Amino acid sequence: MATDFAFRRHVGVGAGAYICGEETALMESIEGKRSIVRAQPPLPAIAGLWGRPTVILNVLSLAAIPTIMADGAVAYAALGSRA
């Protein structure tokens, strides 16, 4: 997109437990620990996985990005909930 912006991404697999829907519990699972919710602060964006700044998303969120970029956020929001 004609910028110098770059980032690294890693796709990891959590324990699959319901609690791993909460981002800090998922980080605990990825680090090989028991999936329990971390006390905050600090926020994951400040000290997340292995103490480094982390943005953590689930695969469904990542899969929505092309549609949002192509059609816009308003069109995506109009699709409604699939739950």
PDB file of N, CA and C in Angstrom:
ATOM      1  N   MET A   1       0.817  -1.190   0.000  1.00  0.00           N
ATOM      2  CA  MET A   1       0.000   0.000   0.000  1.00  0.00           C
ATOM      3  C   MET A   1       0.863   1.256   0.000  1.00  0.00           C
ATOM      4  N   ALA A   2       2.024   1.162  -0.562  1.00  0.00           N
ATOM      5  CA  ALA A   2       2.915   2.302  -0.755  1.00  0.00           C
ATOM      6  C   ALA A   2       3.345   2.970   0.552  1.00  0.00           C
ATOM      7  N   THR A   3       3.591   2.164   1.594  1.00  0.00           N
ATOM      8  CA  THR A   3       4.112   2.699   2.849  1.00  0.00           C
ATOM      9  C   THR A   3       5.251   1.807   3.320  1.00  0.00           C
ATOM     10  N   ASP A   4       5.979   2.266   4.318  1.00  0.00           N
ATOM     11  CA  ASP A   4       7.053   1.473   4.906  1.00  0.00           C
ATOM     12  C   ASP A   4       6.584   0.680   6.119  1.00  0.00           C
ATOM     13  N   PHE A   5       5.285   0.720   6.410  1.00  0.00           N
ATOM     14  CA  PHE A   5       4.733   0.030   7.578  1.00  0.00           C
ATOM     15  C   PHE A   5       4.897  -1.475   7.431  1.00  0.00           C
ATOM     16  N   ALA A   6       5.342  -2.130   8.477  1.00  0.00           N
ATOM     17  CA  ALA A   6       5.503  -3.582   8.465  1.00  0.00           C
ATOM     18  C   ALA A   6       5.187  -4.126   9.849  1.00  0.00           C
ATOM     19  N   PHE A   7       4.755  -5.361   9.920  1.00  0.00           N
ATOM     20  CA  PHE A   7       4.511  -6.016  11.195  1.00  0.00           C
ATOM     21  C   PHE A   7       4.681  -7.512  11.022  1.00  0.00           C
ATOM     22  N   ARG A   8       4.867  -8.206  12.142  1.00  0.00           N
ATOM     23  CA  ARG A   8       4.967  -9.660  12.125  1.00  0.00           C
ATOM     24  C   ARG A   8       3.680 -10.229  12.676  1.00  0.00           C
ATOM     25  N   ARG A   9       3.267 -11.352  12.162  1.00  0.00           N
ATOM     26  CA  ARG A   9       2.088 -12.025  12.685  1.00  0.00           C
ATOM     27  C   ARG A   9       2.425 -13.484  12.920  1.00  0.00           C
ATOM     28  N   HIS A  10       1.727 -14.062  13.850  1.00  0.00           N
ATOM     29  CA  HIS A  10       1.905 -15.468  14.175  1.00  0.00           C
ATOM     30  C   HIS A  10       0.524 -16.046  14.410  1.00  0.00           C
ATOM     31  N   VAL A  11       0.251 -17.180  13.816  1.00  0.00           N
ATOM     32  CA  VAL A  11      -1.016 -17.860  14.047  1.00  0.00           C
ATOM     33  C   VAL A  11      -0.738 -18.998  15.013  1.00  0.00           C
ATOM     34  N   GLY A  12      -1.364 -18.929  16.169  1.00  0.00           N
ATOM     35  CA  GLY A  12      -1.174 -19.948  17.197  1.00  0.00           C
ATOM     36  C   GLY A  12      -2.488 -20.624  17.515  1.00  0.00           C
ATOM     37  N   VAL A  13      -2.415 -21.748  18.167  1.00  0.00           N
ATOM     38  CA  VAL A  13      -3.606 -22.508  18.551  1.00  0.00           C
ATOM     39  C   VAL A  13      -3.684 -22.546  20.070  1.00  0.00           C
ATOM     40  N   GLY A  14      -4.829 -22.131  20.597  1.00  0.00           N
ATOM     41  CA  GLY A  14      -5.044 -22.170  22.038  1.00  0.00           C
ATOM     42  C   GLY A  14      -5.544 -23.543  22.459  1.00  0.00           C
ATOM     43  N   ALA A  15      -5.866 -23.667  23.723  1.00  0.00           N
ATOM     44  CA  ALA A  15      -6.287 -24.946  24.285  1.00  0.00           C
ATOM     45  C   ALA A  15      -7.665 -25.383  23.796  1.00  0.00           C
ATOM     46  N   GLY A  16      -8.427 -24.477  23.204  1.00  0.00           N
ATOM     47  CA  GLY A  16      -9.749 -24.821  22.711  1.00  0.00           C
ATOM     48  C   GLY A  16     -10.830 -24.721  23.769  1.00  0.00           C
ATOM     49  N   ALA A  17     -10.481 -24.292  24.953  1.00  0.00           N
ATOM     50  CA  ALA A  17     -11.451 -24.150  26.034  1.00  0.00           C
ATOM     51  C   ALA A  17     -12.262 -22.871  25.831  1.00  0.00           C
ATOM     52  N   TYR A  18     -13.467 -22.873  26.353  1.00  0.00           N
ATOM     53  CA  TYR A  18     -14.345 -21.707  26.255  1.00  0.00           C
ATOM     54  C   TYR A  18     -13.656 -20.454  26.790  1.00  0.00           C
ATOM     55  N   ILE A  19     -12.942 -20.574  27.861  1.00  0.00           N
ATOM     56  CA  ILE A  19     -12.289 -19.423  28.488  1.00  0.00           C
ATOM     57  C   ILE A  19     -11.264 -18.777  27.562  1.00  0.00           C
ATOM     58  N   CYS A  20     -10.767 -19.514  26.575  1.00  0.00           N
ATOM     59  CA  CYS A  20      -9.775 -18.957  25.654  1.00  0.00           C
ATOM     60  C   CYS A  20     -10.373 -17.932  24.702  1.00  0.00           C
ATOM     61  N   GLY A  21     -11.687 -17.701  24.789  1.00  0.00           N
ATOM     62  CA  GLY A  21     -12.290 -16.607  24.052  1.00  0.00           C
ATOM     63  C   GLY A  21     -11.901 -15.259  24.637  1.00  0.00           C
ATOM     64  N   GLU A  22     -11.443 -15.257  25.858  1.00  0.00           N
ATOM     65  CA  GLU A  22     -10.960 -14.032  26.497  1.00  0.00           C
ATOM     66  C   GLU A  22      -9.478 -13.915  26.168  1.00  0.00           C
ATOM     67  N   GLU A  23      -9.070 -12.753  25.690  1.00  0.00           N
ATOM     68  CA  GLU A  23      -7.720 -12.622  25.128  1.00  0.00           C
ATOM     69  C   GLU A  23      -6.598 -12.954  26.095  1.00  0.00           C
ATOM     70  N   THR A  24      -6.710 -12.584  27.360  1.00  0.00           N
ATOM     71  CA  THR A  24      -5.609 -12.874  28.267  1.00  0.00           C
ATOM     72  C   THR A  24      -5.534 -14.363  28.603  1.00  0.00           C
ATOM     73  N   ALA A  25      -6.672 -15.042  28.649  1.00  0.00           N
ATOM     74  CA  ALA A  25      -6.657 -16.489  28.872  1.00  0.00           C
ATOM     75  C   ALA A  25      -6.052 -17.199  27.666  1.00  0.00           C
ATOM     76  N   LEU A  26      -6.344 -16.710  26.467  1.00  0.00           N
ATOM     77  CA  LEU A  26      -5.750 -17.283  25.265  1.00  0.00           C
ATOM     78  C   LEU A  26      -4.233 -17.095  25.273  1.00  0.00           C
ATOM     79  N   MET A  27      -3.759 -15.938  25.709  1.00  0.00           N
ATOM     80  CA  MET A  27      -2.312 -15.722  25.790  1.00  0.00           C
ATOM     81  C   MET A  27      -1.669 -16.683  26.783  1.00  0.00           C
ATOM     82  N   GLU A  28      -2.321 -16.913  27.911  1.00  0.00           N
ATOM     83  CA  GLU A  28      -1.801 -17.886  28.876  1.00  0.00           C
ATOM     84  C   GLU A  28      -1.662 -19.256  28.213  1.00  0.00           C
ATOM     85  N   SER A  29      -2.687 -19.664  27.455  1.00  0.00           N
ATOM     86  CA  SER A  29      -2.674 -20.958  26.775  1.00  0.00           C
ATOM     87  C   SER A  29      -1.541 -21.041  25.753  1.00  0.00           C
ATOM     88  N   ILE A  30      -1.375 -19.992  24.957  1.00  0.00           N
ATOM     89  CA  ILE A  30      -0.314 -19.970  23.942  1.00  0.00           C
ATOM     90  C   ILE A  30       1.062 -20.071  24.592  1.00  0.00           C
ATOM     91  N   GLU A  31       1.209 -19.467  25.774  1.00  0.00           N
ATOM     92  CA  GLU A  31       2.490 -19.528  26.491  1.00  0.00           C
ATOM     93  C   GLU A  31       2.697 -20.869  27.189  1.00  0.00           C
ATOM     94  N   GLY A  32       1.747 -21.797  27.038  1.00  0.00           N
ATOM     95  CA  GLY A  32       1.890 -23.120  27.626  1.00  0.00           C
ATOM     96  C   GLY A  32       1.428 -23.213  29.067  1.00  0.00           C
ATOM     97  N   LYS A  33       0.714 -22.206  29.525  1.00  0.00           N
ATOM     98  CA  LYS A  33       0.223 -22.186  30.902  1.00  0.00           C
ATOM     99  C   LYS A  33      -1.251 -22.586  30.945  1.00  0.00           C
ATOM    100  N   ARG A  34      -1.792 -22.705  32.146  1.00  0.00           N
ATOM    101  CA  ARG A  34      -3.209 -22.985  32.325  1.00  0.00           C
ATOM    102  C   ARG A  34      -4.018 -21.786  31.830  1.00  0.00           C
ATOM    103  N   SER A  35      -5.112 -22.041  31.130  1.00  0.00           N
ATOM    104  CA  SER A  35      -5.938 -20.984  30.541  1.00  0.00           C
ATOM    105  C   SER A  35      -6.785 -20.292  31.598  1.00  0.00           C
ATOM    106  N   ILE A  36      -6.202 -19.294  32.238  1.00  0.00           N
ATOM    107  CA  ILE A  36      -6.947 -18.490  33.208  1.00  0.00           C
ATOM    108  C   ILE A  36      -6.793 -17.017  32.828  1.00  0.00           C
ATOM    109  N   VAL A  37      -7.776 -16.218  33.201  1.00  0.00           N
ATOM    110  CA  VAL A  37      -7.759 -14.795  32.867  1.00  0.00           C
ATOM    111  C   VAL A  37      -6.679 -14.094  33.676  1.00  0.00           C
ATOM    112  N   ARG A  38      -5.877 -13.281  33.013  1.00  0.00           N
ATOM    113  CA  ARG A  38      -4.838 -12.495  33.670  1.00  0.00           C
ATOM    114  C   ARG A  38      -5.450 -11.257  34.299  1.00  0.00           C
ATOM    115  N   ALA A  39      -4.899 -10.855  35.420  1.00  0.00           N
ATOM    116  CA  ALA A  39      -5.294  -9.590  36.030  1.00  0.00           C
ATOM    117  C   ALA A  39      -4.748  -8.449  35.171  1.00  0.00           C
ATOM    118  N   GLN A  40      -5.536  -7.406  35.016  1.00  0.00           N
ATOM    119  CA  GLN A  40      -5.094  -6.256  34.237  1.00  0.00           C
ATOM    120  C   GLN A  40      -5.153  -5.024  35.109  1.00  0.00           C
ATOM    121  N   PRO A  41      -4.347  -4.006  35.026  1.00  0.00           N
ATOM    122  CA  PRO A  41      -3.320  -3.829  34.030  1.00  0.00           C
ATOM    123  C   PRO A  41      -2.091  -4.691  34.283  1.00  0.00           C
ATOM    124  N   PRO A  42      -1.161  -4.793  33.385  1.00  0.00           N
ATOM    125  CA  PRO A  42      -1.086  -4.049  32.135  1.00  0.00           C
ATOM    126  C   PRO A  42      -1.972  -4.666  31.057  1.00  0.00           C
ATOM    127  N   LEU A  43      -2.360  -3.852  30.110  1.00  0.00           N
ATOM    128  CA  LEU A  43      -3.138  -4.324  28.964  1.00  0.00           C
ATOM    129  C   LEU A  43      -2.229  -5.119  28.029  1.00  0.00           C
ATOM    130  N   PRO A  44      -2.781  -6.089  27.287  1.00  0.00           N
ATOM    131  CA  PRO A  44      -1.960  -6.875  26.360  1.00  0.00           C
ATOM    132  C   PRO A  44      -1.199  -6.020  25.339  1.00  0.00           C
ATOM    133  N   ALA A  45      -1.764  -4.883  24.942  1.00  0.00           N
ATOM    134  CA  ALA A  45      -1.071  -4.023  23.984  1.00  0.00           C
ATOM    135  C   ALA A  45       0.202  -3.423  24.572  1.00  0.00           C
ATOM    136  N   ILE A  46       0.329  -3.463  25.894  1.00  0.00           N
ATOM    137  CA  ILE A  46       1.534  -2.958  26.564  1.00  0.00           C
ATOM    138  C   ILE A  46       2.450  -4.106  26.961  1.00  0.00           C
ATOM    139  N   ALA A  47       1.896  -5.140  27.569  1.00  0.00           N
ATOM    140  CA  ALA A  47       2.674  -6.311  27.995  1.00  0.00           C
ATOM    141  C   ALA A  47       1.805  -7.545  27.815  1.00  0.00           C
ATOM    142  N   GLY A  48       1.913  -8.161  26.642  1.00  0.00           N
ATOM    143  CA  GLY A  48       1.094  -9.330  26.324  1.00  0.00           C
ATOM    144  C   GLY A  48       1.879 -10.621  26.349  1.00  0.00           C
ATOM    145  N   LEU A  49       1.925 -11.304  25.199  1.00  0.00           N
ATOM    146  CA  LEU A  49       2.642 -12.569  25.111  1.00  0.00           C
ATOM    147  C   LEU A  49       4.105 -12.387  25.475  1.00  0.00           C
ATOM    148  N   TRP A  50       4.566 -13.212  26.395  1.00  0.00           N
ATOM    149  CA  TRP A  50       5.950 -13.201  26.859  1.00  0.00           C
ATOM    150  C   TRP A  50       6.413 -11.797  27.246  1.00  0.00           C
ATOM    151  N   GLY A  51       5.467 -10.970  27.754  1.00  0.00           N
ATOM    152  CA  GLY A  51       5.793  -9.641  28.232  1.00  0.00           C
ATOM    153  C   GLY A  51       5.982  -8.592  27.152  1.00  0.00           C
ATOM    154  N   ARG A  52       5.677  -8.941  25.894  1.00  0.00           N
ATOM    155  CA  ARG A  52       5.857  -8.002  24.790  1.00  0.00           C
ATOM    156  C   ARG A  52       4.510  -7.471  24.328  1.00  0.00           C
ATOM    157  N   PRO A  53       4.462  -6.295  23.726  1.00  0.00           N
ATOM    158  CA  PRO A  53       3.195  -5.749  23.228  1.00  0.00           C
ATOM    159  C   PRO A  53       2.527  -6.734  22.261  1.00  0.00           C
ATOM    160  N   THR A  54       1.231  -6.966  22.469  1.00  0.00           N
ATOM    161  CA  THR A  54       0.520  -7.985  21.704  1.00  0.00           C
ATOM    162  C   THR A  54      -0.886  -7.519  21.349  1.00  0.00           C
ATOM    163  N   VAL A  55      -1.260  -7.729  20.097  1.00  0.00           N
ATOM    164  CA  VAL A  55      -2.650  -7.595  19.671  1.00  0.00           C
ATOM    165  C   VAL A  55      -3.079  -9.001  19.314  1.00  0.00           C
ATOM    166  N   ILE A  56      -4.126  -9.480  19.956  1.00  0.00           N
ATOM    167  CA  ILE A  56      -4.539 -10.858  19.761  1.00  0.00           C
ATOM    168  C   ILE A  56      -5.972 -10.882  19.242  1.00  0.00           C
ATOM    169  N   LEU A  57      -6.190 -11.580  18.138  1.00  0.00           N
ATOM    170  CA  LEU A  57      -7.493 -11.677  17.497  1.00  0.00           C
ATOM    171  C   LEU A  57      -7.812 -13.138  17.215  1.00  0.00           C
ATOM    172  N   ASN A  58      -9.077 -13.436  17.090  1.00  0.00           N
ATOM    173  CA  ASN A  58      -9.429 -14.793  16.704  1.00  0.00           C
ATOM    174  C   ASN A  58      -9.498 -14.892  15.178  1.00  0.00           C
ATOM    175  N   VAL A  59      -9.530 -16.092  14.662  1.00  0.00           N
ATOM    176  CA  VAL A  59      -9.497 -16.319  13.215  1.00  0.00           C
ATOM    177  C   VAL A  59     -10.711 -15.706  12.527  1.00  0.00           C
ATOM    178  N   LEU A  60     -11.868 -15.730  13.171  1.00  0.00           N
ATOM    179  CA  LEU A  60     -13.050 -15.137  12.554  1.00  0.00           C
ATOM    180  C   LEU A  60     -12.874 -13.641  12.346  1.00  0.00           C
ATOM    181  N   SER A  61     -12.235 -12.978  13.297  1.00  0.00           N
ATOM    182  CA  SER A  61     -11.972 -11.546  13.137  1.00  0.00           C
ATOM    183  C   SER A  61     -11.036 -11.297  11.970  1.00  0.00           C
ATOM    184  N   LEU A  62      -9.988 -12.088  11.861  1.00  0.00           N
ATOM    185  CA  LEU A  62      -9.031 -11.930  10.759  1.00  0.00           C
ATOM    186  C   LEU A  62      -9.674 -12.227   9.417  1.00  0.00           C
ATOM    187  N   ALA A  63     -10.566 -13.216   9.370  1.00  0.00           N
ATOM    188  CA  ALA A  63     -11.225 -13.585   8.115  1.00  0.00           C
ATOM    189  C   ALA A  63     -12.152 -12.482   7.613  1.00  0.00           C
ATOM    190  N   ALA A  64     -12.620 -11.619   8.487  1.00  0.00           N
ATOM    191  CA  ALA A  64     -13.522 -10.532   8.094  1.00  0.00           C
ATOM    192  C   ALA A  64     -12.794  -9.356   7.450  1.00  0.00           C
ATOM    193  N   ILE A  65     -11.500  -9.249   7.634  1.00  0.00           N
ATOM    194  CA  ILE A  65     -10.757  -8.085   7.155  1.00  0.00           C
ATOM    195  C   ILE A  65     -10.905  -7.849   5.654  1.00  0.00           C
ATOM    196  N   PRO A  66     -10.772  -8.853   4.774  1.00  0.00           N
ATOM    197  CA  PRO A  66     -10.920  -8.571   3.337  1.00  0.00           C
ATOM    198  C   PRO A  66     -12.290  -7.992   2.973  1.00  0.00           C
ATOM    199  N   THR A  67     -13.350  -8.500   3.599  1.00  0.00           N
ATOM    200  CA  THR A  67     -14.693  -7.990   3.316  1.00  0.00           C
ATOM    201  C   THR A  67     -14.836  -6.548   3.787  1.00  0.00           C
ATOM    202  N   ILE A  68     -14.331  -6.258   4.974  1.00  0.00           N
ATOM    203  CA  ILE A  68     -14.410  -4.895   5.497  1.00  0.00           C
ATOM    204  C   ILE A  68     -13.622  -3.940   4.607  1.00  0.00           C
ATOM    205  N   MET A  69     -12.438  -4.351   4.180  1.00  0.00           N
ATOM    206  CA  MET A  69     -11.618  -3.491   3.326  1.00  0.00           C
ATOM    207  C   MET A  69     -12.265  -3.288   1.951  1.00  0.00           C
ATOM    208  N   ALA A  70     -12.881  -4.329   1.402  1.00  0.00           N
ATOM    209  CA  ALA A  70     -13.480  -4.237   0.062  1.00  0.00           C
ATOM    210  C   ALA A  70     -14.804  -3.483   0.067  1.00  0.00           C
ATOM    211  N   ASP A  71     -15.648  -3.751   1.062  1.00  0.00           N
ATOM    212  CA  ASP A  71     -17.005  -3.209   1.052  1.00  0.00           C
ATOM    213  C   ASP A  71     -17.248  -2.100   2.065  1.00  0.00           C
ATOM    214  N   GLY A  72     -16.354  -1.939   3.018  1.00  0.00           N
ATOM    215  CA  GLY A  72     -16.497  -0.907   4.037  1.00  0.00           C
ATOM    216  C   GLY A  72     -17.150  -1.424   5.307  1.00  0.00           C
ATOM    217  N   ALA A  73     -16.908  -0.718   6.393  1.00  0.00           N
ATOM    218  CA  ALA A  73     -17.408  -1.136   7.708  1.00  0.00           C
ATOM    219  C   ALA A  73     -18.928  -1.100   7.793  1.00  0.00           C
ATOM    220  N   VAL A  74     -19.558  -0.111   7.155  1.00  0.00           N
ATOM    221  CA  VAL A  74     -21.025   0.001   7.224  1.00  0.00           C
ATOM    222  C   VAL A  74     -21.673  -1.208   6.557  1.00  0.00           C
ATOM    223  N   ALA A  75     -21.171  -1.612   5.391  1.00  0.00           N
ATOM    224  CA  ALA A  75     -21.720  -2.778   4.700  1.00  0.00           C
ATOM    225  C   ALA A  75     -21.496  -4.048   5.516  1.00  0.00           C
ATOM    226  N   TYR A  76     -20.339  -4.150   6.150  1.00  0.00           N
ATOM    227  CA  TYR A  76     -20.072  -5.332   6.978  1.00  0.00           C
ATOM    228  C   TYR A  76     -21.002  -5.371   8.177  1.00  0.00           C
ATOM    229  N   ALA A  77     -21.192  -4.238   8.822  1.00  0.00           N
ATOM    230  CA  ALA A  77     -22.087  -4.188   9.992  1.00  0.00           C
ATOM    231  C   ALA A  77     -23.521  -4.525   9.606  1.00  0.00           C
ATOM    232  N   ALA A  78     -23.901  -4.216   8.374  1.00  0.00           N
ATOM    233  CA  ALA A  78     -25.271  -4.519   7.907  1.00  0.00           C
ATOM    234  C   ALA A  78     -25.508  -6.020   7.745  1.00  0.00           C
ATOM    235  N   LEU A  79     -24.432  -6.801   7.689  1.00  0.00           N
ATOM    236  CA  LEU A  79     -24.598  -8.251   7.557  1.00  0.00           C
ATOM    237  C   LEU A  79     -25.240  -8.868   8.808  1.00  0.00           C
ATOM    238  N   GLY A  80     -25.074  -8.198   9.950  1.00  0.00           N
ATOM    239  CA  GLY A  80     -25.678  -8.666  11.195  1.00  0.00           C
ATOM    240  C   GLY A  80     -24.882  -9.757  11.860  1.00  0.00           C
ATOM    241  N   SER A  81     -25.475 -10.306  12.912  1.00  0.00           N
ATOM    242  CA  SER A  81     -24.829 -11.347  13.710  1.00  0.00           C
ATOM    243  C   SER A  81     -25.180 -12.707  13.155  1.00  0.00           C
ATOM    244  N   ARG A  82     -24.209 -13.613  13.187  1.00  0.00           N
ATOM    245  CA  ARG A  82     -24.455 -14.988  12.716  1.00  0.00           C
ATOM    246  C   ARG A  82     -24.501 -15.950  13.884  1.00  0.00           C
ATOM    247  N   ALA A  83     -24.569 -15.422  15.076  1.00  0.00           N
ATOM    248  CA  ALA A  83     -24.562 -16.272  16.270  1.00  0.00           C
ATOM    249  C   ALA A  83     -25.881 -16.967  16.474  1.00  0.00           C
TER     250      ALA A  83
END
